[in-house]
């Protein structure tokens, strides 16, 4: 794998990482809301 490719991959990952974390946080919130609704309806 050429060094240039490795650099590009590293930069891409650094850019994508925060987006992935945001998405995961949103998923956790949605799951928590769904579980809360289930608990309400009993």
PDB file of N, CA and C in Angstrom:
ATOM      1  N   UNK A   1       0.860  -1.198   0.000  1.00  0.00           N
ATOM      2  CA  UNK A   1       0.000   0.000   0.000  1.00  0.00           C
ATOM      3  C   UNK A   1       0.893   1.244   0.000  1.00  0.00           C
ATOM      4  N   UNK A   2       0.726   2.131  -0.974  1.00  0.00           N
ATOM      5  CA  UNK A   2       1.572   3.333  -1.033  1.00  0.00           C
ATOM      6  C   UNK A   2       1.351   4.240   0.170  1.00  0.00           C
ATOM      7  N   UNK A   3       2.421   4.973   0.516  1.00  0.00           N
ATOM      8  CA  UNK A   3       2.336   5.856   1.698  1.00  0.00           C
ATOM      9  C   UNK A   3       1.242   6.895   1.513  1.00  0.00           C
ATOM     10  N   UNK A   4       1.131   7.415   0.285  1.00  0.00           N
ATOM     11  CA  UNK A   4       0.106   8.444   0.017  1.00  0.00           C
ATOM     12  C   UNK A   4      -1.272   7.903   0.369  1.00  0.00           C
ATOM     13  N   UNK A   5      -1.541   6.666  -0.016  1.00  0.00           N
ATOM     14  CA  UNK A   5      -2.835   6.051   0.282  1.00  0.00           C
ATOM     15  C   UNK A   5      -3.040   5.970   1.790  1.00  0.00           C
ATOM     16  N   UNK A   6      -1.998   5.576   2.518  1.00  0.00           N
ATOM     17  CA  UNK A   6      -2.117   5.450   3.973  1.00  0.00           C
ATOM     18  C   UNK A   6      -2.458   6.803   4.581  1.00  0.00           C
ATOM     19  N   UNK A   7      -1.781   7.866   4.108  1.00  0.00           N
ATOM     20  CA  UNK A   7      -2.072   9.209   4.637  1.00  0.00           C
ATOM     21  C   UNK A   7      -3.532   9.565   4.385  1.00  0.00           C
ATOM     22  N   UNK A   8      -3.988   9.316   3.159  1.00  0.00           N
ATOM     23  CA  UNK A   8      -5.371   9.641   2.809  1.00  0.00           C
ATOM     24  C   UNK A   8      -6.338   8.860   3.695  1.00  0.00           C
ATOM     25  N   UNK A   9      -6.067   7.584   3.896  1.00  0.00           N
ATOM     26  CA  UNK A   9      -6.927   6.748   4.734  1.00  0.00           C
ATOM     27  C   UNK A   9      -6.985   7.327   6.147  1.00  0.00           C
ATOM     28  N   UNK A  10      -5.825   7.705   6.679  1.00  0.00           N
ATOM     29  CA  UNK A  10      -5.777   8.265   8.034  1.00  0.00           C
ATOM     30  C   UNK A  10      -6.606   9.532   8.137  1.00  0.00           C
ATOM     31  N   UNK A  11      -6.466  10.408   7.143  1.00  0.00           N
ATOM     32  CA  UNK A  11      -7.239  11.656   7.162  1.00  0.00           C
ATOM     33  C   UNK A  11      -8.724  11.364   7.070  1.00  0.00           C
ATOM     34  N   UNK A  12      -9.085  10.457   6.183  1.00  0.00           N
ATOM     35  CA  UNK A  12     -10.492  10.086   6.027  1.00  0.00           C
ATOM     36  C   UNK A  12     -11.058   9.593   7.351  1.00  0.00           C
ATOM     37  N   UNK A  13     -10.309   8.704   8.020  1.00  0.00           N
ATOM     38  CA  UNK A  13     -10.787   8.147   9.281  1.00  0.00           C
ATOM     39  C   UNK A  13     -10.968   9.250  10.317  1.00  0.00           C
ATOM     40  N   UNK A  14     -10.024  10.210  10.365  1.00  0.00           N
ATOM     41  CA  UNK A  14     -10.147  11.301  11.335  1.00  0.00           C
ATOM     42  C   UNK A  14     -11.388  12.134  11.048  1.00  0.00           C
ATOM     43  N   UNK A  15     -11.697  12.323   9.764  1.00  0.00           N
ATOM     44  CA  UNK A  15     -12.882  13.101   9.397  1.00  0.00           C
ATOM     45  C   UNK A  15     -14.162  12.324   9.707  1.00  0.00           C
ATOM     46  N   UNK A  16     -14.108  11.012   9.460  1.00  0.00           N
ATOM     47  CA  UNK A  16     -15.323  10.187   9.608  1.00  0.00           C
ATOM     48  C   UNK A  16     -15.618   9.896  11.078  1.00  0.00           C
ATOM     49  N   UNK A  17     -14.580   9.795  11.891  1.00  0.00           N
ATOM     50  CA  UNK A  17     -14.748   9.401  13.294  1.00  0.00           C
ATOM     51  C   UNK A  17     -15.807  10.223  14.033  1.00  0.00           C
ATOM     52  N   UNK A  18     -15.722  11.566  13.997  1.00  0.00           N
ATOM     53  CA  UNK A  18     -16.735  12.359  14.716  1.00  0.00           C
ATOM     54  C   UNK A  18     -18.139  12.095  14.196  1.00  0.00           C
ATOM     55  N   UNK A  19     -18.275  11.909  12.875  1.00  0.00           N
ATOM     56  CA  UNK A  19     -19.597  11.628  12.307  1.00  0.00           C
ATOM     57  C   UNK A  19     -20.133  10.315  12.854  1.00  0.00           C
ATOM     58  N   UNK A  20     -19.266   9.296  12.921  1.00  0.00           N
ATOM     59  CA  UNK A  20     -19.682   7.984  13.438  1.00  0.00           C
ATOM     60  C   UNK A  20     -20.129   8.140  14.887  1.00  0.00           C
ATOM     61  N   UNK A  21     -19.371   8.901  15.674  1.00  0.00           N
ATOM     62  CA  UNK A  21     -19.726   9.079  17.083  1.00  0.00           C
ATOM     63  C   UNK A  21     -21.075   9.776  17.207  1.00  0.00           C
ATOM     64  N   UNK A  22     -21.315  10.789  16.347  1.00  0.00           N
ATOM     65  CA  UNK A  22     -22.604  11.490  16.374  1.00  0.00           C
ATOM     66  C   UNK A  22     -23.737  10.523  16.070  1.00  0.00           C
ATOM     67  N   UNK A  23     -23.535   9.713  15.023  1.00  0.00           N
ATOM     68  CA  UNK A  23     -24.575   8.764  14.611  1.00  0.00           C
ATOM     69  C   UNK A  23     -24.855   7.779  15.751  1.00  0.00           C
ATOM     70  N   UNK A  24     -23.793   7.281  16.372  1.00  0.00           N
ATOM     71  CA  UNK A  24     -23.978   6.321  17.461  1.00  0.00           C
ATOM     72  C   UNK A  24     -24.737   6.969  18.614  1.00  0.00           C
ATOM     73  N   UNK A  25     -24.407   8.235  18.911  1.00  0.00           N
ATOM     74  CA  UNK A  25     -25.090   8.933  20.007  1.00  0.00           C
ATOM     75  C   UNK A  25     -26.572   9.063  19.675  1.00  0.00           C
ATOM     76  N   UNK A  26     -26.873   9.438  18.421  1.00  0.00           N
ATOM     77  CA  UNK A  26     -28.262   9.578  18.008  1.00  0.00           C
ATOM     78  C   UNK A  26     -28.990   8.242  18.139  1.00  0.00           C
ATOM     79  N   UNK A  27     -28.320   7.158  17.735  1.00  0.00           N
ATOM     80  CA  UNK A  27     -28.935   5.834  17.838  1.00  0.00           C
ATOM     81  C   UNK A  27     -29.248   5.517  19.298  1.00  0.00           C
ATOM     82  N   UNK A  28     -28.298   5.817  20.190  1.00  0.00           N
ATOM     83  CA  UNK A  28     -28.520   5.533  21.615  1.00  0.00           C
ATOM     84  C   UNK A  28     -29.742   6.306  22.118  1.00  0.00           C
ATOM     85  N   UNK A  29     -29.851   7.582  21.705  1.00  0.00           N
ATOM     86  CA  UNK A  29     -30.985   8.396  22.151  1.00  0.00           C
ATOM     87  C   UNK A  29     -32.296   7.796  21.655  1.00  0.00           C
ATOM     88  N   UNK A  30     -32.314   7.397  20.387  1.00  0.00           N
ATOM     89  CA  UNK A  30     -33.545   6.825  19.815  1.00  0.00           C
ATOM     90  C   UNK A  30     -33.909   5.545  20.561  1.00  0.00           C
ATOM     91  N   UNK A  31     -32.924   4.693  20.795  1.00  0.00           N
ATOM     92  CA  UNK A  31     -33.187   3.430  21.505  1.00  0.00           C
ATOM     93  C   UNK A  31     -33.711   3.724  22.903  1.00  0.00           C
ATOM     94  N   UNK A  32     -33.109   4.704  23.572  1.00  0.00           N
ATOM     95  CA  UNK A  32     -33.554   5.052  24.930  1.00  0.00           C
ATOM     96  C   UNK A  32     -35.004   5.525  24.898  1.00  0.00           C
ATOM     97  N   UNK A  33     -35.349   6.337  23.885  1.00  0.00           N
ATOM     98  CA  UNK A  33     -36.732   6.834  23.779  1.00  0.00           C
ATOM     99  C   UNK A  33     -37.681   5.677  23.552  1.00  0.00           C
ATOM    100  N   UNK A  34     -37.324   4.762  22.657  1.00  0.00           N
ATOM    101  CA  UNK A  34     -38.194   3.607  22.361  1.00  0.00           C
ATOM    102  C   UNK A  34     -38.403   2.800  23.642  1.00  0.00           C
ATOM    103  N   UNK A  35     -37.333   2.553  24.382  1.00  0.00           N
ATOM    104  CA  UNK A  35     -37.451   1.767  25.605  1.00  0.00           C
ATOM    105  C   UNK A  35     -38.327   2.508  26.615  1.00  0.00           C
ATOM    106  N   UNK A  36     -38.184   3.831  26.697  1.00  0.00           N
ATOM    107  CA  UNK A  36     -38.995   4.617  27.628  1.00  0.00           C
ATOM    108  C   UNK A  36     -40.478   4.493  27.255  1.00  0.00           C
ATOM    109  N   UNK A  37     -40.772   4.566  25.957  1.00  0.00           N
ATOM    110  CA  UNK A  37     -42.162   4.428  25.507  1.00  0.00           C
ATOM    111  C   UNK A  37     -42.701   3.051  25.880  1.00  0.00           C
ATOM    112  N   UNK A  38     -41.882   2.009  25.670  1.00  0.00           N
ATOM    113  CA  UNK A  38     -42.330   0.655  26.021  1.00  0.00           C
ATOM    114  C   UNK A  38     -42.650   0.578  27.509  1.00  0.00           C
ATOM    115  N   UNK A  39     -41.779   1.183  28.323  1.00  0.00           N
ATOM    116  CA  UNK A  39     -41.973   1.135  29.774  1.00  0.00           C
ATOM    117  C   UNK A  39     -43.268   1.864  30.147  1.00  0.00           C
ATOM    118  N   UNK A  40     -43.560   2.968  29.473  1.00  0.00           N
ATOM    119  CA  UNK A  40     -44.781   3.733  29.755  1.00  0.00           C
ATOM    120  C   UNK A  40     -46.004   2.869  29.469  1.00  0.00           C
ATOM    121  N   UNK A  41     -46.043   2.281  28.263  1.00  0.00           N
ATOM    122  CA  UNK A  41     -47.216   1.498  27.862  1.00  0.00           C
ATOM    123  C   UNK A  41     -47.345   0.234  28.714  1.00  0.00           C
ATOM    124  N   UNK A  42     -46.243  -0.193  29.298  1.00  0.00           N
ATOM    125  CA  UNK A  42     -46.268  -1.328  30.202  1.00  0.00           C
ATOM    126  C   UNK A  42     -46.697  -2.585  29.528  1.00  0.00           C
TER     127      UNK A  42
END
